[in-house]
Amino acid sequence: MRQEFIGLEVEVVASGHPGYFMHGIVMDETKNTITISDGARERMVPKRGNEFEFTFESKRFRVLGSEIQHRPEDRIKKIR
């Protein structure tokens, strides 16, 4: 979880909102949101209440959005 997420492949695998399920590339990240592009559109998805599956170096890992609800630049300091 100390990895920079921008540029990684991501899929929203669990959400309370049916419109948030999507698969694509992380285009931007803030403290509370991840912007995902599926090639046709970009959608800003809140971290809280969603579960994401990232692909990094051919490995997939799942992360609860509430676990990464930090500013990207602070993630290294907060997550041990």
PDB file of N, CA and C in Angstrom:
ATOM      1  N   MET A   1       0.815  -1.194   0.000  1.00  0.00           N
ATOM      2  CA  MET A   1       0.000   0.000   0.000  1.00  0.00           C
ATOM      3  C   MET A   1       0.855   1.253   0.000  1.00  0.00           C
ATOM      4  N   ARG A   2       2.144   1.106   0.017  1.00  0.00           N
ATOM      5  CA  ARG A   2       3.012   2.275  -0.059  1.00  0.00           C
ATOM      6  C   ARG A   2       3.290   2.667  -1.499  1.00  0.00           C
ATOM      7  N   GLN A   3       2.773   1.927  -2.435  1.00  0.00           N
ATOM      8  CA  GLN A   3       2.961   2.157  -3.863  1.00  0.00           C
ATOM      9  C   GLN A   3       2.150   3.364  -4.338  1.00  0.00           C
ATOM     10  N   GLU A   4       2.691   4.095  -5.282  1.00  0.00           N
ATOM     11  CA  GLU A   4       1.936   5.150  -5.964  1.00  0.00           C
ATOM     12  C   GLU A   4       0.860   4.457  -6.797  1.00  0.00           C
ATOM     13  N   PHE A   5      -0.390   4.873  -6.664  1.00  0.00           N
ATOM     14  CA  PHE A   5      -1.493   4.215  -7.368  1.00  0.00           C
ATOM     15  C   PHE A   5      -1.709   4.748  -8.779  1.00  0.00           C
ATOM     16  N   ILE A   6      -1.322   5.991  -9.047  1.00  0.00           N
ATOM     17  CA  ILE A   6      -1.556   6.574 -10.371  1.00  0.00           C
ATOM     18  C   ILE A   6      -0.819   5.749 -11.417  1.00  0.00           C
ATOM     19  N   GLY A   7      -1.561   5.325 -12.437  1.00  0.00           N
ATOM     20  CA  GLY A   7      -1.000   4.513 -13.511  1.00  0.00           C
ATOM     21  C   GLY A   7      -1.246   3.023 -13.339  1.00  0.00           C
ATOM     22  N   LEU A   8      -1.685   2.599 -12.146  1.00  0.00           N
ATOM     23  CA  LEU A   8      -1.948   1.183 -11.927  1.00  0.00           C
ATOM     24  C   LEU A   8      -3.319   0.789 -12.467  1.00  0.00           C
ATOM     25  N   GLU A   9      -3.445  -0.467 -12.831  1.00  0.00           N
ATOM     26  CA  GLU A   9      -4.740  -1.021 -13.217  1.00  0.00           C
ATOM     27  C   GLU A   9      -5.528  -1.257 -11.937  1.00  0.00           C
ATOM     28  N   VAL A  10      -6.803  -0.919 -11.940  1.00  0.00           N
ATOM     29  CA  VAL A  10      -7.640  -1.047 -10.748  1.00  0.00           C
ATOM     30  C   VAL A  10      -9.038  -1.501 -11.139  1.00  0.00           C
ATOM     31  N   GLU A  11      -9.674  -2.208 -10.229  1.00  0.00           N
ATOM     32  CA  GLU A  11     -11.068  -2.607 -10.399  1.00  0.00           C
ATOM     33  C   GLU A  11     -11.778  -2.364  -9.077  1.00  0.00           C
ATOM     34  N   VAL A  12     -12.975  -1.797  -9.142  1.00  0.00           N
ATOM     35  CA  VAL A  12     -13.804  -1.646  -7.951  1.00  0.00           C
ATOM     36  C   VAL A  12     -14.553  -2.962  -7.810  1.00  0.00           C
ATOM     37  N   VAL A  13     -14.248  -3.731  -6.760  1.00  0.00           N
ATOM     38  CA  VAL A  13     -14.805  -5.072  -6.614  1.00  0.00           C
ATOM     39  C   VAL A  13     -15.955  -5.140  -5.619  1.00  0.00           C
ATOM     40  N   ALA A  14     -16.109  -4.130  -4.774  1.00  0.00           N
ATOM     41  CA  ALA A  14     -17.220  -4.083  -3.834  1.00  0.00           C
ATOM     42  C   ALA A  14     -17.597  -2.630  -3.610  1.00  0.00           C
ATOM     43  N   SER A  15     -18.898  -2.367  -3.685  1.00  0.00           N
ATOM     44  CA  SER A  15     -19.388  -1.005  -3.516  1.00  0.00           C
ATOM     45  C   SER A  15     -20.861  -1.029  -3.140  1.00  0.00           C
ATOM     46  N   GLY A  16     -21.272  -0.041  -2.395  1.00  0.00           N
ATOM     47  CA  GLY A  16     -22.680   0.107  -2.072  1.00  0.00           C
ATOM     48  C   GLY A  16     -23.450   0.832  -3.161  1.00  0.00           C
ATOM     49  N   HIS A  17     -22.759   1.332  -4.162  1.00  0.00           N
ATOM     50  CA  HIS A  17     -23.370   2.083  -5.262  1.00  0.00           C
ATOM     51  C   HIS A  17     -23.097   1.345  -6.573  1.00  0.00           C
ATOM     52  N   PRO A  18     -24.114   0.935  -7.295  1.00  0.00           N
ATOM     53  CA  PRO A  18     -23.894   0.152  -8.514  1.00  0.00           C
ATOM     54  C   PRO A  18     -23.143   0.902  -9.615  1.00  0.00           C
ATOM     55  N   GLY A  19     -23.148   2.212  -9.596  1.00  0.00           N
ATOM     56  CA  GLY A  19     -22.463   2.993 -10.619  1.00  0.00           C
ATOM     57  C   GLY A  19     -20.954   3.062 -10.448  1.00  0.00           C
ATOM     58  N   TYR A  20     -20.454   2.611  -9.303  1.00  0.00           N
ATOM     59  CA  TYR A  20     -19.018   2.681  -9.048  1.00  0.00           C
ATOM     60  C   TYR A  20     -18.250   1.447  -9.522  1.00  0.00           C
ATOM     61  N   PHE A  21     -18.934   0.364  -9.860  1.00  0.00           N
ATOM     62  CA  PHE A  21     -18.241  -0.831 -10.328  1.00  0.00           C
ATOM     63  C   PHE A  21     -17.638  -0.540 -11.697  1.00  0.00           C
ATOM     64  N   MET A  22     -16.310  -0.578 -11.777  1.00  0.00           N
ATOM     65  CA  MET A  22     -15.634  -0.349 -13.047  1.00  0.00           C
ATOM     66  C   MET A  22     -14.214  -0.876 -12.973  1.00  0.00           C
ATOM     67  N   HIS A  23     -13.591  -0.949 -14.133  1.00  0.00           N
ATOM     68  CA  HIS A  23     -12.229  -1.458 -14.272  1.00  0.00           C
ATOM     69  C   HIS A  23     -11.487  -0.497 -15.178  1.00  0.00           C
ATOM     70  N   GLY A  24     -10.268  -0.128 -14.810  1.00  0.00           N
ATOM     71  CA  GLY A  24      -9.509   0.790 -15.642  1.00  0.00           C
ATOM     72  C   GLY A  24      -8.176   1.137 -15.031  1.00  0.00           C
ATOM     73  N   ILE A  25      -7.694   2.327 -15.352  1.00  0.00           N
ATOM     74  CA  ILE A  25      -6.403   2.823 -14.900  1.00  0.00           C
ATOM     75  C   ILE A  25      -6.627   4.000 -13.958  1.00  0.00           C
ATOM     76  N   VAL A  26      -5.859   4.044 -12.869  1.00  0.00           N
ATOM     77  CA  VAL A  26      -5.947   5.163 -11.932  1.00  0.00           C
ATOM     78  C   VAL A  26      -5.326   6.387 -12.593  1.00  0.00           C
ATOM     79  N   MET A  27      -6.115   7.441 -12.742  1.00  0.00           N
ATOM     80  CA  MET A  27      -5.655   8.670 -13.367  1.00  0.00           C
ATOM     81  C   MET A  27      -5.249   9.720 -12.340  1.00  0.00           C
ATOM     82  N   ASP A  28      -5.914   9.704 -11.176  1.00  0.00           N
ATOM     83  CA  ASP A  28      -5.625  10.687 -10.133  1.00  0.00           C
ATOM     84  C   ASP A  28      -6.085  10.119  -8.806  1.00  0.00           C
ATOM     85  N   GLU A  29      -5.537  10.672  -7.730  1.00  0.00           N
ATOM     86  CA  GLU A  29      -5.913  10.238  -6.391  1.00  0.00           C
ATOM     87  C   GLU A  29      -5.856  11.433  -5.454  1.00  0.00           C
ATOM     88  N   THR A  30      -6.869  11.545  -4.609  1.00  0.00           N
ATOM     89  CA  THR A  30      -6.878  12.543  -3.545  1.00  0.00           C
ATOM     90  C   THR A  30      -7.052  11.793  -2.229  1.00  0.00           C
ATOM     91  N   LYS A  31      -7.187  12.534  -1.155  1.00  0.00           N
ATOM     92  CA  LYS A  31      -7.378  11.895   0.149  1.00  0.00           C
ATOM     93  C   LYS A  31      -8.622  11.010   0.159  1.00  0.00           C
ATOM     94  N   ASN A  32      -9.696  11.465  -0.469  1.00  0.00           N
ATOM     95  CA  ASN A  32     -10.978  10.767  -0.375  1.00  0.00           C
ATOM     96  C   ASN A  32     -11.436  10.080  -1.657  1.00  0.00           C
ATOM     97  N   THR A  33     -10.761  10.291  -2.774  1.00  0.00           N
ATOM     98  CA  THR A  33     -11.244   9.740  -4.042  1.00  0.00           C
ATOM     99  C   THR A  33     -10.126   9.155  -4.893  1.00  0.00           C
ATOM    100  N   ILE A  34     -10.532   8.289  -5.808  1.00  0.00           N
ATOM    101  CA  ILE A  34      -9.655   7.770  -6.854  1.00  0.00           C
ATOM    102  C   ILE A  34     -10.372   8.019  -8.178  1.00  0.00           C
ATOM    103  N   THR A  35      -9.682   8.620  -9.140  1.00  0.00           N
ATOM    104  CA  THR A  35     -10.250   8.838 -10.464  1.00  0.00           C
ATOM    105  C   THR A  35      -9.773   7.714 -11.373  1.00  0.00           C
ATOM    106  N   ILE A  36     -10.748   7.008 -11.973  1.00  0.00           N
ATOM    107  CA  ILE A  36     -10.463   5.838 -12.802  1.00  0.00           C
ATOM    108  C   ILE A  36     -10.923   6.112 -14.224  1.00  0.00           C
ATOM    109  N   SER A  37     -10.073   5.770 -15.191  1.00  0.00           N
ATOM    110  CA  SER A  37     -10.425   5.888 -16.601  1.00  0.00           C
ATOM    111  C   SER A  37     -10.540   4.488 -17.196  1.00  0.00           C
ATOM    112  N   ASP A  38     -11.666   4.229 -17.871  1.00  0.00           N
ATOM    113  CA  ASP A  38     -11.832   2.935 -18.539  1.00  0.00           C
ATOM    114  C   ASP A  38     -11.596   3.060 -20.045  1.00  0.00           C
ATOM    115  N   GLY A  39     -11.047   4.175 -20.472  1.00  0.00           N
ATOM    116  CA  GLY A  39     -10.773   4.421 -21.885  1.00  0.00           C
ATOM    117  C   GLY A  39     -11.840   5.279 -22.537  1.00  0.00           C
ATOM    118  N   ALA A  40     -13.083   5.104 -22.127  1.00  0.00           N
ATOM    119  CA  ALA A  40     -14.184   5.879 -22.686  1.00  0.00           C
ATOM    120  C   ALA A  40     -14.579   7.047 -21.791  1.00  0.00           C
ATOM    121  N   ARG A  41     -14.369   6.879 -20.481  1.00  0.00           N
ATOM    122  CA  ARG A  41     -14.775   7.932 -19.544  1.00  0.00           C
ATOM    123  C   ARG A  41     -13.923   7.867 -18.295  1.00  0.00           C
ATOM    124  N   GLU A  42     -13.923   8.944 -17.552  1.00  0.00           N
ATOM    125  CA  GLU A  42     -13.265   8.996 -16.253  1.00  0.00           C
ATOM    126  C   GLU A  42     -14.345   9.155 -15.193  1.00  0.00           C
ATOM    127  N   ARG A  43     -14.185   8.451 -14.102  1.00  0.00           N
ATOM    128  CA  ARG A  43     -15.153   8.539 -13.007  1.00  0.00           C
ATOM    129  C   ARG A  43     -14.385   8.684 -11.698  1.00  0.00           C
ATOM    130  N   MET A  44     -14.841   9.615 -10.869  1.00  0.00           N
ATOM    131  CA  MET A  44     -14.258   9.825  -9.552  1.00  0.00           C
ATOM    132  C   MET A  44     -15.019   8.928  -8.573  1.00  0.00           C
ATOM    133  N   VAL A  45     -14.301   8.012  -7.930  1.00  0.00           N
ATOM    134  CA  VAL A  45     -14.902   7.031  -7.028  1.00  0.00           C
ATOM    135  C   VAL A  45     -14.414   7.316  -5.609  1.00  0.00           C
ATOM    136  N   PRO A  46     -15.329   7.451  -4.652  1.00  0.00           N
ATOM    137  CA  PRO A  46     -14.885   7.681  -3.278  1.00  0.00           C
ATOM    138  C   PRO A  46     -14.175   6.443  -2.720  1.00  0.00           C
ATOM    139  N   LYS A  47     -13.176   6.661  -1.892  1.00  0.00           N
ATOM    140  CA  LYS A  47     -12.466   5.539  -1.282  1.00  0.00           C
ATOM    141  C   LYS A  47     -13.337   4.867  -0.229  1.00  0.00           C
ATOM    142  N   ARG A  48     -13.920   5.674   0.644  1.00  0.00           N
ATOM    143  CA  ARG A  48     -14.744   5.123   1.726  1.00  0.00           C
ATOM    144  C   ARG A  48     -15.946   4.368   1.156  1.00  0.00           C
ATOM    145  N   GLY A  49     -16.174   3.172   1.661  1.00  0.00           N
ATOM    146  CA  GLY A  49     -17.326   2.383   1.257  1.00  0.00           C
ATOM    147  C   GLY A  49     -17.092   1.527   0.028  1.00  0.00           C
ATOM    148  N   ASN A  50     -15.886   1.548  -0.503  1.00  0.00           N
ATOM    149  CA  ASN A  50     -15.578   0.745  -1.698  1.00  0.00           C
ATOM    150  C   ASN A  50     -14.347  -0.111  -1.447  1.00  0.00           C
ATOM    151  N   GLU A  51     -14.264  -1.215  -2.175  1.00  0.00           N
ATOM    152  CA  GLU A  51     -13.090  -2.082  -2.109  1.00  0.00           C
ATOM    153  C   GLU A  51     -12.467  -2.132  -3.497  1.00  0.00           C
ATOM    154  N   PHE A  52     -11.162  -1.965  -3.553  1.00  0.00           N
ATOM    155  CA  PHE A  52     -10.437  -1.881  -4.816  1.00  0.00           C
ATOM    156  C   PHE A  52      -9.487  -3.066  -4.948  1.00  0.00           C
ATOM    157  N   GLU A  53      -9.293  -3.497  -6.190  1.00  0.00           N
ATOM    158  CA  GLU A  53      -8.293  -4.519  -6.480  1.00  0.00           C
ATOM    159  C   GLU A  53      -7.307  -3.918  -7.468  1.00  0.00           C
ATOM    160  N   PHE A  54      -6.069  -3.736  -7.021  1.00  0.00           N
ATOM    161  CA  PHE A  54      -5.013  -3.146  -7.836  1.00  0.00           C
ATOM    162  C   PHE A  54      -4.139  -4.244  -8.418  1.00  0.00           C
ATOM    163  N   THR A  55      -3.580  -3.979  -9.605  1.00  0.00           N
ATOM    164  CA  THR A  55      -2.607  -4.879 -10.215  1.00  0.00           C
ATOM    165  C   THR A  55      -1.270  -4.155 -10.255  1.00  0.00           C
ATOM    166  N   PHE A  56      -0.275  -4.771  -9.630  1.00  0.00           N
ATOM    167  CA  PHE A  56       1.072  -4.206  -9.581  1.00  0.00           C
ATOM    168  C   PHE A  56       2.063  -5.329  -9.845  1.00  0.00           C
ATOM    169  N   GLU A  57       2.869  -5.174 -10.888  1.00  0.00           N
ATOM    170  CA  GLU A  57       3.860  -6.178 -11.286  1.00  0.00           C
ATOM    171  C   GLU A  57       3.227  -7.567 -11.402  1.00  0.00           C
ATOM    172  N   SER A  58       2.113  -7.651 -12.100  1.00  0.00           N
ATOM    173  CA  SER A  58       1.376  -8.892 -12.366  1.00  0.00           C
ATOM    174  C   SER A  58       0.773  -9.529 -11.120  1.00  0.00           C
ATOM    175  N   LYS A  59       0.767  -8.830 -10.000  1.00  0.00           N
ATOM    176  CA  LYS A  59       0.142  -9.331  -8.777  1.00  0.00           C
ATOM    177  C   LYS A  59      -1.050  -8.458  -8.459  1.00  0.00           C
ATOM    178  N   ARG A  60      -2.125  -9.117  -8.007  1.00  0.00           N
ATOM    179  CA  ARG A  60      -3.349  -8.403  -7.663  1.00  0.00           C
ATOM    180  C   ARG A  60      -3.482  -8.354  -6.147  1.00  0.00           C
ATOM    181  N   PHE A  61      -3.870  -7.194  -5.632  1.00  0.00           N
ATOM    182  CA  PHE A  61      -4.101  -7.093  -4.200  1.00  0.00           C
ATOM    183  C   PHE A  61      -5.328  -6.238  -3.942  1.00  0.00           C
ATOM    184  N   ARG A  62      -6.097  -6.648  -2.946  1.00  0.00           N
ATOM    185  CA  ARG A  62      -7.333  -5.954  -2.580  1.00  0.00           C
ATOM    186  C   ARG A  62      -7.094  -5.038  -1.400  1.00  0.00           C
ATOM    187  N   VAL A  63      -7.740  -3.883  -1.466  1.00  0.00           N
ATOM    188  CA  VAL A  63      -7.582  -2.878  -0.418  1.00  0.00           C
ATOM    189  C   VAL A  63      -8.942  -2.246  -0.158  1.00  0.00           C
ATOM    190  N   LEU A  64      -9.307  -2.143   1.106  1.00  0.00           N
ATOM    191  CA  LEU A  64     -10.502  -1.387   1.470  1.00  0.00           C
ATOM    192  C   LEU A  64     -10.182   0.090   1.330  1.00  0.00           C
ATOM    193  N   GLY A  65     -11.103   0.828   0.752  1.00  0.00           N
ATOM    194  CA  GLY A  65     -10.882   2.257   0.550  1.00  0.00           C
ATOM    195  C   GLY A  65     -10.619   3.002   1.839  1.00  0.00           C
ATOM    196  N   SER A  66     -11.269   2.580   2.918  1.00  0.00           N
ATOM    197  CA  SER A  66     -11.063   3.256   4.205  1.00  0.00           C
ATOM    198  C   SER A  66      -9.634   3.065   4.720  1.00  0.00           C
ATOM    199  N   GLU A  67      -8.937   1.999   4.281  1.00  0.00           N
ATOM    200  CA  GLU A  67      -7.555   1.764   4.709  1.00  0.00           C
ATOM    201  C   GLU A  67      -6.564   2.694   4.006  1.00  0.00           C
ATOM    202  N   ILE A  68      -6.947   3.232   2.871  1.00  0.00           N
ATOM    203  CA  ILE A  68      -6.054   4.106   2.109  1.00  0.00           C
ATOM    204  C   ILE A  68      -6.579   5.535   2.047  1.00  0.00           C
ATOM    205  N   GLN A  69      -7.430   5.871   2.992  1.00  0.00           N
ATOM    206  CA  GLN A  69      -8.040   7.202   2.991  1.00  0.00           C
ATOM    207  C   GLN A  69      -7.094   8.214   3.633  1.00  0.00           C
ATOM    208  N   HIS A  70      -5.977   8.433   2.952  1.00  0.00           N
ATOM    209  CA  HIS A  70      -4.965   9.402   3.346  1.00  0.00           C
ATOM    210  C   HIS A  70      -4.570  10.158   2.092  1.00  0.00           C
ATOM    211  N   ARG A  71      -3.936  11.281   2.269  1.00  0.00           N
ATOM    212  CA  ARG A  71      -3.360  11.959   1.112  1.00  0.00           C
ATOM    213  C   ARG A  71      -2.277  11.047   0.555  1.00  0.00           C
ATOM    214  N   PRO A  72      -2.166  10.941  -0.763  1.00  0.00           N
ATOM    215  CA  PRO A  72      -1.175  10.029  -1.337  1.00  0.00           C
ATOM    216  C   PRO A  72       0.241  10.269  -0.809  1.00  0.00           C
ATOM    217  N   GLU A  73       0.609  11.512  -0.630  1.00  0.00           N
ATOM    218  CA  GLU A  73       1.968  11.816  -0.172  1.00  0.00           C
ATOM    219  C   GLU A  73       2.185  11.456   1.296  1.00  0.00           C
ATOM    220  N   ASP A  74       1.102  11.277   2.069  1.00  0.00           N
ATOM    221  CA  ASP A  74       1.222  10.902   3.476  1.00  0.00           C
ATOM    222  C   ASP A  74       1.122   9.399   3.700  1.00  0.00           C
ATOM    223  N   ARG A  75       0.763   8.659   2.688  1.00  0.00           N
ATOM    224  CA  ARG A  75       0.525   7.220   2.841  1.00  0.00           C
ATOM    225  C   ARG A  75       1.764   6.496   3.394  1.00  0.00           C
ATOM    226  N   ILE A  76       2.935   6.854   2.932  1.00  0.00           N
ATOM    227  CA  ILE A  76       4.154   6.175   3.380  1.00  0.00           C
ATOM    228  C   ILE A  76       4.372   6.391   4.881  1.00  0.00           C
ATOM    229  N   LYS A  77       4.041   7.571   5.360  1.00  0.00           N
ATOM    230  CA  LYS A  77       4.237   7.871   6.781  1.00  0.00           C
ATOM    231  C   LYS A  77       3.207   7.170   7.680  1.00  0.00           C
ATOM    232  N   LYS A  78       1.950   7.049   7.206  1.00  0.00           N
ATOM    233  CA  LYS A  78       0.869   6.564   8.048  1.00  0.00           C
ATOM    234  C   LYS A  78       0.725   5.050   8.054  1.00  0.00           C
ATOM    235  N   ILE A  79       1.049   4.379   6.969  1.00  0.00           N
ATOM    236  CA  ILE A  79       0.825   2.945   6.869  1.00  0.00           C
ATOM    237  C   ILE A  79       2.127   2.236   7.157  1.00  0.00           C
ATOM    238  N   ARG A  80       2.116   1.416   8.137  1.00  0.00           N
ATOM    239  CA  ARG A  80       3.320   0.681   8.541  1.00  0.00           C
ATOM    240  C   ARG A  80       3.122  -0.786   8.338  1.00  0.00           C
TER     241      ARG A  80
END
